[in-house]
PDB file of N, CA and C in Angstrom:
ATOM      1  N   MET A   1      65.640 115.573 151.334  1.00  0.00           N
ATOM      2  CA  MET A   1      66.187 116.845 150.535  1.00  0.00           C
ATOM      3  C   MET A   1      66.534 118.097 151.454  1.00  0.00           C
ATOM      4  N   ARG A   2      67.302 118.869 151.037  1.00  0.00           N
ATOM      5  CA  ARG A   2      67.542 119.805 151.885  1.00  0.00           C
ATOM      6  C   ARG A   2      66.651 121.158 151.528  1.00  0.00           C
ATOM      7  N   GLU A   3      66.108 121.768 151.985  1.00  0.00           N
ATOM      8  CA  GLU A   3      65.231 122.894 151.899  1.00  0.00           C
ATOM      9  C   GLU A   3      66.317 124.353 151.971  1.00  0.00           C
ATOM     10  N   ARG A   4      65.767 125.297 151.012  1.00  0.00           N
ATOM     11  CA  ARG A   4      66.739 126.423 151.253  1.00  0.00           C
ATOM     12  C   ARG A   4      65.666 127.436 151.874  1.00  0.00           C
ATOM     13  N   HIS A   5      66.651 128.086 152.570  1.00  0.00           N
ATOM     14  CA  HIS A   5      65.748 129.257 153.120  1.00  0.00           C
ATOM     15  C   HIS A   5      65.633 130.502 152.083  1.00  0.00           C
ATOM     16  N   VAL A   6      64.348 131.148 152.434  1.00  0.00           N
ATOM     17  CA  VAL A   6      64.036 132.538 151.673  1.00  0.00           C
ATOM     18  C   VAL A   6      64.859 133.378 151.483  1.00  0.00           C
ATOM     19  N   ASP A   7      65.659 133.494 152.691  1.00  0.00           N
ATOM     20  CA  ASP A   7      66.350 134.524 152.819  1.00  0.00           C
ATOM     21  C   ASP A   7      67.567 134.369 152.202  1.00  0.00           C
ATOM     22  N   GLU A   8      68.244 133.539 151.674  1.00  0.00           N
ATOM     23  CA  GLU A   8      69.380 133.090 150.671  1.00  0.00           C
ATOM     24  C   GLU A   8      69.302 133.134 149.241  1.00  0.00           C
ATOM     25  N   ARG A   9      67.995 133.578 148.825  1.00  0.00           N
ATOM     26  CA  ARG A   9      67.795 133.839 147.246  1.00  0.00           C
ATOM     27  C   ARG A   9      68.187 134.897 146.809  1.00  0.00           C
ATOM     28  N   GLY A  10      69.204 134.653 145.800  1.00  0.00           N
ATOM     29  CA  GLY A  10      70.061 135.920 145.036  1.00  0.00           C
ATOM     30  C   GLY A  10      71.178 136.197 145.648  1.00  0.00           C
ATOM     31  N   ALA A  11      71.653 135.289 146.575  1.00  0.00           N
ATOM     32  CA  ALA A  11      73.062 135.660 147.250  1.00  0.00           C
ATOM     33  C   ALA A  11      74.075 135.019 146.448  1.00  0.00           C
ATOM     34  N   ALA A  12      73.935 134.259 145.575  1.00  0.00           N
ATOM     35  CA  ALA A  12      74.872 133.760 144.483  1.00  0.00           C
ATOM     36  C   ALA A  12      75.311 134.699 143.489  1.00  0.00           C
ATOM     37  N   VAL A  13      74.224 135.655 142.992  1.00  0.00           N
ATOM     38  CA  VAL A  13      74.200 136.628 142.110  1.00  0.00           C
ATOM     39  C   VAL A  13      75.074 138.144 143.086  1.00  0.00           C
ATOM     40  N   ALA A  14      74.851 138.016 143.937  1.00  0.00           N
ATOM     41  CA  ALA A  14      75.340 139.368 144.727  1.00  0.00           C
ATOM     42  C   ALA A  14      76.964 138.817 145.089  1.00  0.00           C
ATOM     43  N   GLU A  15      77.058 137.590 145.336  1.00  0.00           N
ATOM     44  CA  GLU A  15      78.684 137.322 145.703  1.00  0.00           C
ATOM     45  C   GLU A  15      79.442 137.305 144.138  1.00  0.00           C
ATOM     46  N   PHE A  16      79.073 136.668 142.959  1.00  0.00           N
ATOM     47  CA  PHE A  16      79.452 136.925 141.998  1.00  0.00           C
ATOM     48  C   PHE A  16      79.954 138.322 141.484  1.00  0.00           C
ATOM     49  N   VAL A  17      78.719 139.176 141.867  1.00  0.00           N
ATOM     50  CA  VAL A  17      79.331 140.568 141.268  1.00  0.00           C
ATOM     51  C   VAL A  17      80.274 141.110 142.267  1.00  0.00           C
ATOM     52  N   LEU A  18      80.440 140.914 143.538  1.00  0.00           N
ATOM     53  CA  LEU A  18      81.600 141.249 144.556  1.00  0.00           C
ATOM     54  C   LEU A  18      82.782 140.573 144.095  1.00  0.00           C
ATOM     55  N   VAL A  19      82.869 139.166 143.791  1.00  0.00           N
ATOM     56  CA  VAL A  19      84.125 138.568 143.117  1.00  0.00           C
ATOM     57  C   VAL A  19      84.563 139.298 142.015  1.00  0.00           C
ATOM     58  N   MET A  20      83.667 139.731 140.855  1.00  0.00           N
ATOM     59  CA  MET A  20      83.927 140.019 139.646  1.00  0.00           C
ATOM     60  C   MET A  20      84.715 141.416 139.858  1.00  0.00           C
ATOM     61  N   MET A  21      84.080 142.090 140.774  1.00  0.00           N
ATOM     62  CA  MET A  21      84.521 143.657 141.083  1.00  0.00           C
ATOM     63  C   MET A  21      86.156 143.244 141.228  1.00  0.00           C
ATOM     64  N   LEU A  22      86.530 142.308 142.150  1.00  0.00           N
ATOM     65  CA  LEU A  22      87.789 142.410 142.628  1.00  0.00           C
ATOM     66  C   LEU A  22      88.591 141.737 141.245  1.00  0.00           C
ATOM     67  N   LEU A  23      88.383 140.683 140.554  1.00  0.00           N
ATOM     68  CA  LEU A  23      89.138 139.974 139.495  1.00  0.00           C
ATOM     69  C   LEU A  23      89.085 140.567 138.584  1.00  0.00           C
ATOM     70  N   VAL A  24      88.168 141.499 137.945  1.00  0.00           N
ATOM     71  CA  VAL A  24      88.119 141.969 136.792  1.00  0.00           C
ATOM     72  C   VAL A  24      89.396 142.844 136.692  1.00  0.00           C
ATOM     73  N   PRO A  25      89.471 144.022 137.596  1.00  0.00           N
ATOM     74  CA  PRO A  25      90.724 145.022 137.491  1.00  0.00           C
ATOM     75  C   PRO A  25      91.862 144.353 137.646  1.00  0.00           C
ATOM     76  N   LEU A  26      91.976 143.030 138.325  1.00  0.00           N
ATOM     77  CA  LEU A  26      93.272 142.553 138.666  1.00  0.00           C
ATOM     78  C   LEU A  26      93.827 141.779 137.357  1.00  0.00           C
ATOM     79  N   VAL A  27      92.808 141.213 136.654  1.00  0.00           N
ATOM     80  CA  VAL A  27      93.422 140.601 135.219  1.00  0.00           C
ATOM     81  C   VAL A  27      93.636 141.637 134.236  1.00  0.00           C
ATOM     82  N   LEU A  28      92.900 142.904 133.946  1.00  0.00           N
ATOM     83  CA  LEU A  28      93.290 143.813 133.449  1.00  0.00           C
ATOM     84  C   LEU A  28      94.486 144.348 133.543  1.00  0.00           C
ATOM     85  N   GLY A  29      94.617 144.428 134.835  1.00  0.00           N
ATOM     86  CA  GLY A  29      95.893 145.284 135.461  1.00  0.00           C
ATOM     87  C   GLY A  29      97.025 144.126 134.784  1.00  0.00           C
ATOM     88  N   ILE A  30      97.151 143.010 134.770  1.00  0.00           N
ATOM     89  CA  ILE A  30      98.205 141.972 134.367  1.00  0.00           C
ATOM     90  C   ILE A  30      98.245 141.963 133.041  1.00  0.00           C
ATOM     91  N   VAL A  31      97.266 142.294 132.293  1.00  0.00           N
ATOM     92  CA  VAL A  31      97.135 142.321 130.768  1.00  0.00           C
ATOM     93  C   VAL A  31      98.223 143.776 130.493  1.00  0.00           C
ATOM     94  N   GLN A  32      97.909 144.607 131.280  1.00  0.00           N
ATOM     95  CA  GLN A  32      98.380 146.186 130.878  1.00  0.00           C
ATOM     96  C   GLN A  32     100.051 145.817 131.152  1.00  0.00           C
ATOM     97  N   VAL A  33     100.285 145.333 132.258  1.00  0.00           N
ATOM     98  CA  VAL A  33     101.717 145.036 132.305  1.00  0.00           C
ATOM     99  C   VAL A  33     102.393 144.417 131.550  1.00  0.00           C
ATOM    100  N   GLY A  34     101.796 143.525 131.088  1.00  0.00           N
ATOM    101  CA  GLY A  34     102.151 142.791 129.903  1.00  0.00           C
ATOM    102  C   GLY A  34     102.595 143.301 128.533  1.00  0.00           C
ATOM    103  N   LEU A  35     101.504 144.183 128.483  1.00  0.00           N
ATOM    104  CA  LEU A  35     101.487 145.222 127.199  1.00  0.00           C
ATOM    105  C   LEU A  35     102.673 146.208 127.068  1.00  0.00           C
ATOM    106  N   VAL A  36     103.017 146.757 128.429  1.00  0.00           N
ATOM    107  CA  VAL A  36     103.851 147.552 128.487  1.00  0.00           C
ATOM    108  C   VAL A  36     105.404 147.049 128.408  1.00  0.00           C
ATOM    109  N   LEU A  37     105.351 145.802 128.985  1.00  0.00           N
ATOM    110  CA  LEU A  37     106.632 145.124 129.061  1.00  0.00           C
ATOM    111  C   LEU A  37     107.044 144.502 127.488  1.00  0.00           C
ATOM    112  N   HIS A  38     105.851 144.004 126.659  1.00  0.00           N
ATOM    113  CA  HIS A  38     105.893 143.734 125.645  1.00  0.00           C
ATOM    114  C   HIS A  38     106.707 144.777 124.645  1.00  0.00           C
ATOM    115  N   VAL A  39     106.146 145.906 124.811  1.00  0.00           N
ATOM    116  CA  VAL A  39     106.527 147.338 123.845  1.00  0.00           C
ATOM    117  C   VAL A  39     108.197 147.771 124.326  1.00  0.00           C
ATOM    118  N   ARG A  40     108.456 147.703 125.535  1.00  0.00           N
ATOM    119  CA  ARG A  40     109.819 148.050 126.257  1.00  0.00           C
ATOM    120  C   ARG A  40     110.616 146.889 125.572  1.00  0.00           C
ATOM    121  N   ASN A  41     110.487 145.682 125.849  1.00  0.00           N
ATOM    122  CA  ASN A  41     111.385 144.476 125.310  1.00  0.00           C
ATOM    123  C   ASN A  41     111.641 144.690 123.726  1.00  0.00           C
ATOM    124  N   THR A  42     110.470 144.754 123.089  1.00  0.00           N
ATOM    125  CA  THR A  42     110.659 144.836 121.687  1.00  0.00           C
ATOM    126  C   THR A  42     111.448 146.083 121.375  1.00  0.00           C
ATOM    127  N   ALA A  43     111.148 147.425 121.682  1.00  0.00           N
ATOM    128  CA  ALA A  43     111.770 148.439 121.509  1.00  0.00           C
ATOM    129  C   ALA A  43     113.391 148.309 121.665  1.00  0.00           C
ATOM    130  N   ALA A  44     113.948 147.407 123.054  1.00  0.00           N
ATOM    131  CA  ALA A  44     115.096 147.388 123.567  1.00  0.00           C
ATOM    132  C   ALA A  44     115.765 146.317 122.370  1.00  0.00           C
ATOM    133  N   ALA A  45     115.127 145.353 121.940  1.00  0.00           N
ATOM    134  CA  ALA A  45     115.649 144.279 121.309  1.00  0.00           C
ATOM    135  C   ALA A  45     116.219 145.045 119.885  1.00  0.00           C
ATOM    136  N   ALA A  46     115.064 146.246 119.259  1.00  0.00           N
ATOM    137  CA  ALA A  46     115.117 146.726 117.833  1.00  0.00           C
ATOM    138  C   ALA A  46     116.392 147.662 118.059  1.00  0.00           C
ATOM    139  N   ALA A  47     116.595 148.139 119.311  1.00  0.00           N
ATOM    140  CA  ALA A  47     117.781 149.414 119.492  1.00  0.00           C
ATOM    141  C   ALA A  47     119.049 148.392 119.449  1.00  0.00           C
ATOM    142  N   SER A  48     118.966 147.331 119.800  1.00  0.00           N
ATOM    143  CA  SER A  48     120.057 146.338 119.979  1.00  0.00           C
ATOM    144  C   SER A  48     120.762 145.782 118.733  1.00  0.00           C
ATOM    145  N   GLU A  49     119.500 145.584 117.953  1.00  0.00           N
ATOM    146  CA  GLU A  49     119.956 145.085 116.439  1.00  0.00           C
ATOM    147  C   GLU A  49     120.196 146.302 115.510  1.00  0.00           C
ATOM    148  N   GLY A  50     119.541 147.489 116.038  1.00  0.00           N
ATOM    149  CA  GLY A  50     120.137 148.803 115.159  1.00  0.00           C
ATOM    150  C   GLY A  50     121.749 148.911 115.217  1.00  0.00           C
ATOM    151  N   ALA A  51     122.045 148.614 116.464  1.00  0.00           N
ATOM    152  CA  ALA A  51     123.356 148.998 116.807  1.00  0.00           C
ATOM    153  C   ALA A  51     124.017 148.017 116.314  1.00  0.00           C
ATOM    154  N   ARG A  52     123.928 146.779 116.107  1.00  0.00           N
ATOM    155  CA  ARG A  52     124.667 145.835 115.213  1.00  0.00           C
ATOM    156  C   ARG A  52     124.751 146.254 113.917  1.00  0.00           C
ATOM    157  N   ALA A  53     123.828 146.846 113.458  1.00  0.00           N
ATOM    158  CA  ALA A  53     123.860 147.134 111.933  1.00  0.00           C
ATOM    159  C   ALA A  53     124.849 148.387 111.707  1.00  0.00           C
ATOM    160  N   ALA A  54     125.020 149.094 112.631  1.00  0.00           N
ATOM    161  CA  ALA A  54     125.948 150.260 112.417  1.00  0.00           C
ATOM    162  C   ALA A  54     127.351 149.858 112.985  1.00  0.00           C
ATOM    163  N   ALA A  55     127.543 148.783 113.054  1.00  0.00           N
ATOM    164  CA  ALA A  55     128.641 148.379 113.930  1.00  0.00           C
ATOM    165  C   ALA A  55     129.920 148.144 112.574  1.00  0.00           C
ATOM    166  N   PRO A  56     129.432 147.480 111.722  1.00  0.00           N
ATOM    167  CA  PRO A  56     130.712 147.098 110.659  1.00  0.00           C
ATOM    168  C   PRO A  56     131.328 148.410 109.942  1.00  0.00           C
ATOM    169  N   LEU A  57     132.658 148.340 109.203  1.00  0.00           N
ATOM    170  CA  LEU A  57     132.995 149.650 109.003  1.00  0.00           C
ATOM    171  C   LEU A  57     132.471 150.443 107.951  1.00  0.00           C
ATOM    172  N   ASP A  58     131.766 149.724 107.179  1.00  0.00           N
ATOM    173  CA  ASP A  58     131.384 150.543 106.124  1.00  0.00           C
ATOM    174  C   ASP A  58     129.593 151.040 106.520  1.00  0.00           C
ATOM    175  N   ALA A  59     129.480 151.106 107.557  1.00  0.00           N
ATOM    176  CA  ALA A  59     127.945 151.232 108.030  1.00  0.00           C
ATOM    177  C   ALA A  59     128.111 152.648 108.701  1.00  0.00           C
ATOM    178  N   THR A  60     126.888 153.137 108.622  1.00  0.00           N
ATOM    179  CA  THR A  60     126.511 154.720 108.830  1.00  0.00           C
ATOM    180  C   THR A  60     125.564 154.881 109.881  1.00  0.00           C
ATOM    181  N   PRO A  61     125.434 155.973 110.868  1.00  0.00           N
ATOM    182  CA  PRO A  61     124.063 155.867 111.755  1.00  0.00           C
ATOM    183  C   PRO A  61     122.866 156.089 111.193  1.00  0.00           C
ATOM    184  N   ALA A  62     122.804 156.043 110.095  1.00  0.00           N
ATOM    185  CA  ALA A  62     121.946 156.064 109.406  1.00  0.00           C
ATOM    186  C   ALA A  62     121.136 154.558 108.932  1.00  0.00           C
ATOM    187  N   ASP A  63     121.942 153.764 108.801  1.00  0.00           N
ATOM    188  CA  ASP A  63     121.770 152.491 108.556  1.00  0.00           C
ATOM    189  C   ASP A  63     121.225 151.712 110.197  1.00  0.00           C
ATOM    190  N   ALA A  64     121.756 152.445 111.274  1.00  0.00           N
ATOM    191  CA  ALA A  64     121.233 151.721 112.568  1.00  0.00           C
ATOM    192  C   ALA A  64     120.048 152.318 112.616  1.00  0.00           C
ATOM    193  N   SER A  65     119.848 153.623 112.553  1.00  0.00           N
ATOM    194  CA  SER A  65     118.457 154.179 112.563  1.00  0.00           C
ATOM    195  C   SER A  65     117.409 153.501 111.758  1.00  0.00           C
ATOM    196  N   ALA A  66     117.643 153.219 110.578  1.00  0.00           N
ATOM    197  CA  ALA A  66     116.748 152.801 109.341  1.00  0.00           C
ATOM    198  C   ALA A  66     116.237 151.168 109.988  1.00  0.00           C
ATOM    199  N   ARG A  67     117.520 150.418 110.435  1.00  0.00           N
ATOM    200  CA  ARG A  67     117.129 149.010 110.959  1.00  0.00           C
ATOM    201  C   ARG A  67     116.440 148.925 112.113  1.00  0.00           C
ATOM    202  N   THR A  68     116.508 149.887 113.049  1.00  0.00           N
ATOM    203  CA  THR A  68     115.690 150.194 114.462  1.00  0.00           C
ATOM    204  C   THR A  68     114.061 150.299 113.702  1.00  0.00           C
ATOM    205  N   ARG A  69     114.117 151.362 113.319  1.00  0.00           N
ATOM    206  CA  ARG A  69     112.749 151.907 112.835  1.00  0.00           C
ATOM    207  C   ARG A  69     112.126 150.711 112.057  1.00  0.00           C
ATOM    208  N   ALA A  70     112.863 149.952 111.311  1.00  0.00           N
ATOM    209  CA  ALA A  70     111.945 149.021 110.698  1.00  0.00           C
ATOM    210  C   ALA A  70     111.589 147.706 111.352  1.00  0.00           C
ATOM    211  N   MET A  71     112.612 147.423 112.187  1.00  0.00           N
ATOM    212  CA  MET A  71     112.151 146.330 113.138  1.00  0.00           C
ATOM    213  C   MET A  71     110.903 146.450 114.030  1.00  0.00           C
ATOM    214  N   ILE A  72     110.774 148.181 114.788  1.00  0.00           N
ATOM    215  CA  ILE A  72     109.970 148.378 115.282  1.00  0.00           C
ATOM    216  C   ILE A  72     108.449 148.557 114.436  1.00  0.00           C
ATOM    217  N   ARG A  73     108.785 148.923 113.587  1.00  0.00           N
ATOM    218  CA  ARG A  73     107.339 148.939 112.568  1.00  0.00           C
ATOM    219  C   ARG A  73     106.899 147.650 112.396  1.00  0.00           C
ATOM    220  N   ASP A  74     107.691 146.698 112.315  1.00  0.00           N
ATOM    221  CA  ASP A  74     107.330 145.117 111.966  1.00  0.00           C
ATOM    222  C   ASP A  74     106.446 144.597 113.158  1.00  0.00           C
ATOM    223  N   SER A  75     106.991 145.056 114.413  1.00  0.00           N
ATOM    224  CA  SER A  75     106.408 144.432 115.613  1.00  0.00           C
ATOM    225  C   SER A  75     105.354 145.231 116.129  1.00  0.00           C
ATOM    226  N   LEU A  76     105.413 146.653 116.249  1.00  0.00           N
ATOM    227  CA  LEU A  76     104.701 147.312 117.023  1.00  0.00           C
ATOM    228  C   LEU A  76     104.081 148.704 115.975  1.00  0.00           C
ATOM    229  N   ASP A  77     103.585 149.427 116.773  1.00  0.00           N
ATOM    230  CA  ASP A  77     102.761 150.737 115.669  1.00  0.00           C
ATOM    231  C   ASP A  77     104.001 151.486 115.358  1.00  0.00           C
ATOM    232  N   ASP A  78     103.702 152.167 114.214  1.00  0.00           N
ATOM    233  CA  ASP A  78     104.653 153.360 113.679  1.00  0.00           C
ATOM    234  C   ASP A  78     105.125 154.518 115.088  1.00  0.00           C
ATOM    235  N   ARG A  79     104.132 154.954 115.608  1.00  0.00           N
ATOM    236  CA  ARG A  79     104.512 155.795 116.953  1.00  0.00           C
ATOM    237  C   ARG A  79     105.535 155.555 117.695  1.00  0.00           C
ATOM    238  N   TYR A  80     105.893 154.296 117.758  1.00  0.00           N
ATOM    239  CA  TYR A  80     107.108 153.801 118.805  1.00  0.00           C
ATOM    240  C   TYR A  80     108.412 153.996 117.961  1.00  0.00           C
ATOM    241  N   ALA A  81     108.379 154.108 116.685  1.00  0.00           N
ATOM    242  CA  ALA A  81     109.710 154.238 116.061  1.00  0.00           C
ATOM    243  C   ALA A  81     109.905 155.840 115.690  1.00  0.00           C
ATOM    244  N   SER A  82     109.226 156.634 116.100  1.00  0.00           N
ATOM    245  CA  SER A  82     109.429 157.799 115.915  1.00  0.00           C
ATOM    246  C   SER A  82     110.883 158.613 116.401  1.00  0.00           C
ATOM    247  N   ASP A  83     110.960 158.132 117.733  1.00  0.00           N
ATOM    248  CA  ASP A  83     112.134 158.877 118.391  1.00  0.00           C
ATOM    249  C   ASP A  83     113.367 157.960 118.409  1.00  0.00           C
ATOM    250  N   VAL A  84     114.392 158.025 117.500  1.00  0.00           N
ATOM    251  CA  VAL A  84     115.272 156.840 117.505  1.00  0.00           C
ATOM    252  C   VAL A  84     116.705 157.800 117.202  1.00  0.00           C
ATOM    253  N   SER A  85     117.799 157.614 118.396  1.00  0.00           N
ATOM    254  CA  SER A  85     118.807 158.387 118.126  1.00  0.00           C
ATOM    255  C   SER A  85     119.990 157.481 118.176  1.00  0.00           C
ATOM    256  N   VAL A  86     121.108 157.758 117.158  1.00  0.00           N
ATOM    257  CA  VAL A  86     121.946 157.070 117.125  1.00  0.00           C
ATOM    258  C   VAL A  86     123.447 157.875 117.597  1.00  0.00           C
ATOM    259  N   SER A  87     124.261 157.369 118.124  1.00  0.00           N
ATOM    260  CA  SER A  87     125.699 158.002 118.309  1.00  0.00           C
ATOM    261  C   SER A  87     126.800 157.136 118.588  1.00  0.00           C
ATOM    262  N   TYR A  88     127.908 157.404 118.532  1.00  0.00           N
ATOM    263  CA  TYR A  88     129.007 156.951 118.694  1.00  0.00           C
ATOM    264  C   TYR A  88     129.773 157.187 120.163  1.00  0.00           C
ATOM    265  N   VAL A  89     129.711 156.549 121.036  1.00  0.00           N
ATOM    266  CA  VAL A  89     130.267 156.443 122.161  1.00  0.00           C
ATOM    267  C   VAL A  89     131.592 155.604 122.602  1.00  0.00           C
ATOM    268  N   GLY A  90     132.290 156.231 123.652  1.00  0.00           N
ATOM    269  CA  GLY A  90     133.567 155.015 124.073  1.00  0.00           C
ATOM    270  C   GLY A  90     133.115 154.546 125.465  1.00  0.00           C
ATOM    271  N   VAL A  91     133.130 153.489 125.651  1.00  0.00           N
ATOM    272  CA  VAL A  91     133.023 152.550 126.760  1.00  0.00           C
ATOM    273  C   VAL A  91     134.221 151.926 127.340  1.00  0.00           C
ATOM    274  N   ASP A  92     134.717 152.173 128.157  1.00  0.00           N
ATOM    275  CA  ASP A  92     136.037 152.134 128.773  1.00  0.00           C
ATOM    276  C   ASP A  92     137.070 151.708 127.640  1.00  0.00           C
ATOM    277  N   GLY A  93     136.939 152.837 126.645  1.00  0.00           N
ATOM    278  CA  GLY A  93     138.096 152.813 125.907  1.00  0.00           C
ATOM    279  C   GLY A  93     137.833 152.000 124.707  1.00  0.00           C
ATOM    280  N   VAL A  94     136.880 151.623 124.121  1.00  0.00           N
ATOM    281  CA  VAL A  94     136.195 150.867 123.285  1.00  0.00           C
ATOM    282  C   VAL A  94     135.232 151.953 122.450  1.00  0.00           C
ATOM    283  N   ASP A  95     135.449 152.108 121.270  1.00  0.00           N
ATOM    284  CA  ASP A  95     134.386 152.719 120.205  1.00  0.00           C
ATOM    285  C   ASP A  95     133.160 151.737 120.308  1.00  0.00           C
ATOM    286  N   THR A  96     132.116 152.200 120.455  1.00  0.00           N
ATOM    287  CA  THR A  96     130.827 151.546 120.489  1.00  0.00           C
ATOM    288  C   THR A  96     129.664 152.158 119.903  1.00  0.00           C
ATOM    289  N   VAL A  97     128.688 151.821 119.246  1.00  0.00           N
ATOM    290  CA  VAL A  97     127.498 152.428 118.752  1.00  0.00           C
ATOM    291  C   VAL A  97     126.394 152.311 119.555  1.00  0.00           C
ATOM    292  N   GLN A  98     125.502 153.309 119.846  1.00  0.00           N
ATOM    293  CA  GLN A  98     124.688 153.505 120.915  1.00  0.00           C
ATOM    294  C   GLN A  98     123.438 154.089 120.245  1.00  0.00           C
ATOM    295  N   VAL A  99     122.284 152.950 120.200  1.00  0.00           N
ATOM    296  CA  VAL A  99     121.041 153.225 119.554  1.00  0.00           C
ATOM    297  C   VAL A  99     120.240 153.445 120.886  1.00  0.00           C
ATOM    298  N   VAL A 100     119.431 154.438 120.916  1.00  0.00           N
ATOM    299  CA  VAL A 100     118.708 155.043 122.116  1.00  0.00           C
ATOM    300  C   VAL A 100     117.128 155.176 121.318  1.00  0.00           C
ATOM    301  N   VAL A 101     115.848 154.427 121.864  1.00  0.00           N
ATOM    302  CA  VAL A 101     114.646 154.544 121.502  1.00  0.00           C
ATOM    303  C   VAL A 101     113.963 155.264 122.728  1.00  0.00           C
ATOM    304  N   ARG A 102     113.117 156.263 122.407  1.00  0.00           N
ATOM    305  CA  ARG A 102     112.391 156.787 123.316  1.00  0.00           C
ATOM    306  C   ARG A 102     110.714 156.668 122.952  1.00  0.00           C
ATOM    307  N   GLY A 103     110.028 156.594 123.996  1.00  0.00           N
ATOM    308  CA  GLY A 103     108.304 156.515 123.511  1.00  0.00           C
ATOM    309  C   GLY A 103     107.651 156.809 124.678  1.00  0.00           C
ATOM    310  N   ARG A 104     106.429 156.427 124.443  1.00  0.00           N
ATOM    311  CA  ARG A 104     105.506 156.705 125.676  1.00  0.00           C
ATOM    312  C   ARG A 104     104.436 155.288 125.574  1.00  0.00           C
ATOM    313  N   VAL A 105     104.191 154.778 126.342  1.00  0.00           N
ATOM    314  CA  VAL A 105     103.269 153.608 126.383  1.00  0.00           C
ATOM    315  C   VAL A 105     102.241 153.924 127.425  1.00  0.00           C
ATOM    316  N   PRO A 106     100.874 153.755 126.682  1.00  0.00           N
ATOM    317  CA  PRO A 106      99.607 154.281 127.424  1.00  0.00           C
ATOM    318  C   PRO A 106      99.761 153.020 128.745  1.00  0.00           C
ATOM    319  N   ALA A 107      99.262 153.460 129.786  1.00  0.00           N
ATOM    320  CA  ALA A 107      99.388 153.162 131.025  1.00  0.00           C
ATOM    321  C   ALA A 107      97.925 152.375 131.655  1.00  0.00           C
ATOM    322  N   LEU A 108      97.199 152.901 130.628  1.00  0.00           N
ATOM    323  CA  LEU A 108      95.712 152.729 130.790  1.00  0.00           C
ATOM    324  C   LEU A 108      94.903 152.237 129.634  1.00  0.00           C
ATOM    325  N   GLY A 109      94.878 151.171 129.203  1.00  0.00           N
ATOM    326  CA  GLY A 109      94.350 150.804 128.250  1.00  0.00           C
ATOM    327  C   GLY A 109      95.198 151.290 126.705  1.00  0.00           C
ATOM    328  N   LEU A 110      94.557 151.288 125.969  1.00  0.00           N
ATOM    329  CA  LEU A 110      95.396 151.493 124.640  1.00  0.00           C
ATOM    330  C   LEU A 110      95.451 152.732 124.317  1.00  0.00           C
ATOM    331  N   PHE A 111      94.556 153.716 124.925  1.00  0.00           N
ATOM    332  CA  PHE A 111      94.211 155.057 124.470  1.00  0.00           C
ATOM    333  C   PHE A 111      94.405 156.073 125.844  1.00  0.00           C
ATOM    334  N   GLY A 112      94.761 155.253 126.910  1.00  0.00           N
ATOM    335  CA  GLY A 112      94.543 156.459 128.235  1.00  0.00           C
ATOM    336  C   GLY A 112      96.105 157.195 128.277  1.00  0.00           C
ATOM    337  N   PRO A 113      96.256 157.735 129.386  1.00  0.00           N
ATOM    338  CA  PRO A 113      97.448 158.335 129.796  1.00  0.00           C
ATOM    339  C   PRO A 113      98.539 157.406 129.888  1.00  0.00           C
ATOM    340  N   SER A 114      99.843 158.143 129.073  1.00  0.00           N
ATOM    341  CA  SER A 114     100.985 157.090 128.758  1.00  0.00           C
ATOM    342  C   SER A 114     102.184 157.472 129.778  1.00  0.00           C
ATOM    343  N   VAL A 115     102.972 156.523 129.885  1.00  0.00           N
ATOM    344  CA  VAL A 115     104.148 156.652 130.641  1.00  0.00           C
ATOM    345  C   VAL A 115     105.473 156.664 129.632  1.00  0.00           C
ATOM    346  N   PRO A 116     106.326 157.535 130.227  1.00  0.00           N
ATOM    347  CA  PRO A 116     107.503 157.296 129.162  1.00  0.00           C
ATOM    348  C   PRO A 116     108.559 156.056 129.298  1.00  0.00           C
ATOM    349  N   PHE A 117     109.125 155.685 128.379  1.00  0.00           N
ATOM    350  CA  PHE A 117     110.300 154.785 128.297  1.00  0.00           C
ATOM    351  C   PHE A 117     111.205 155.100 127.533  1.00  0.00           C
ATOM    352  N   SER A 118     112.675 154.662 127.838  1.00  0.00           N
ATOM    353  CA  SER A 118     113.741 155.027 127.061  1.00  0.00           C
ATOM    354  C   SER A 118     114.700 153.404 127.156  1.00  0.00           C
ATOM    355  N   VAL A 119     114.967 153.254 125.938  1.00  0.00           N
ATOM    356  CA  VAL A 119     115.701 152.198 126.217  1.00  0.00           C
ATOM    357  C   VAL A 119     117.121 152.151 125.133  1.00  0.00           C
ATOM    358  N   SER A 120     118.124 151.440 125.177  1.00  0.00           N
ATOM    359  CA  SER A 120     119.244 151.623 124.490  1.00  0.00           C
ATOM    360  C   SER A 120     119.925 150.395 124.198  1.00  0.00           C
ATOM    361  N   GLY A 121     120.476 150.131 122.963  1.00  0.00           N
ATOM    362  CA  GLY A 121     121.419 148.938 122.444  1.00  0.00           C
ATOM    363  C   GLY A 121     122.885 149.507 122.266  1.00  0.00           C
ATOM    364  N   HIS A 122     123.639 148.593 122.350  1.00  0.00           N
ATOM    365  CA  HIS A 122     124.942 148.999 122.109  1.00  0.00           C
ATOM    366  C   HIS A 122     125.817 147.942 121.476  1.00  0.00           C
ATOM    367  N   ALA A 123     126.655 148.214 120.435  1.00  0.00           N
ATOM    368  CA  ALA A 123     127.531 147.150 119.926  1.00  0.00           C
ATOM    369  C   ALA A 123     128.928 147.716 119.690  1.00  0.00           C
ATOM    370  N   VAL A 124     130.058 147.073 119.461  1.00  0.00           N
ATOM    371  CA  VAL A 124     131.359 147.196 119.293  1.00  0.00           C
ATOM    372  C   VAL A 124     131.602 147.417 117.891  1.00  0.00           C
ATOM    373  N   ARG A 125     132.061 148.800 117.883  1.00  0.00           N
ATOM    374  CA  ARG A 125     132.353 149.074 116.351  1.00  0.00           C
ATOM    375  C   ARG A 125     133.418 148.681 115.855  1.00  0.00           C
ATOM    376  N   GLU A 126     133.377 148.293 114.559  1.00  0.00           N
ATOM    377  CA  GLU A 126     134.654 147.536 113.906  1.00  0.00           C
ATOM    378  C   GLU A 126     135.800 148.935 113.783  1.00  0.00           C
ATOM    379  N   VAL A 127     136.813 148.664 113.580  1.00  0.00           N
ATOM    380  CA  VAL A 127     137.794 149.581 113.633  1.00  0.00           C
ATOM    381  C   VAL A 127     138.728 148.942 112.214  1.00  0.00           C
ATOM    382  N   ALA A 128     139.286 149.929 111.734  1.00  0.00           N
ATOM    383  CA  ALA A 128     140.387 149.577 110.361  1.00  0.00           C
ATOM    384  C   ALA A 128     141.700 149.189 111.056  1.00  0.00           C
ATOM    385  N   PRO A 129     142.175 148.101 110.636  1.00  0.00           N
ATOM    386  CA  PRO A 129     143.567 147.722 110.996  1.00  0.00           C
ATOM    387  C   PRO A 129     144.597 148.671 110.689  1.00  0.00           C
TER     388      PRO A 129
END
């Protein structure tokens, strides 16, 4: 059998601590990026769905706003549904509905400083023949 040197006692604990000091922030950073992307992508999908809700002839901007807010509230916290704006814009001569969602996502943990985001959804508006 191989004998252990007295000098190597406790080396595994020190190595474990050094490796964990690198791995834990890396894993937490990856989780945080995932959270930010989830919030942004969910808000973008809700904005697109809200724009489609305001595209039919009898629909109003209030329909788009309500649909967008409902979808955000179903998936995320209510605070992300606070700044939703709806407008009619022309894109290359085509009437479209534009829904813009603005918010702030925490950049460090769930309660840390936040970064702003803005996403929009568009849909072609129906016109009477």
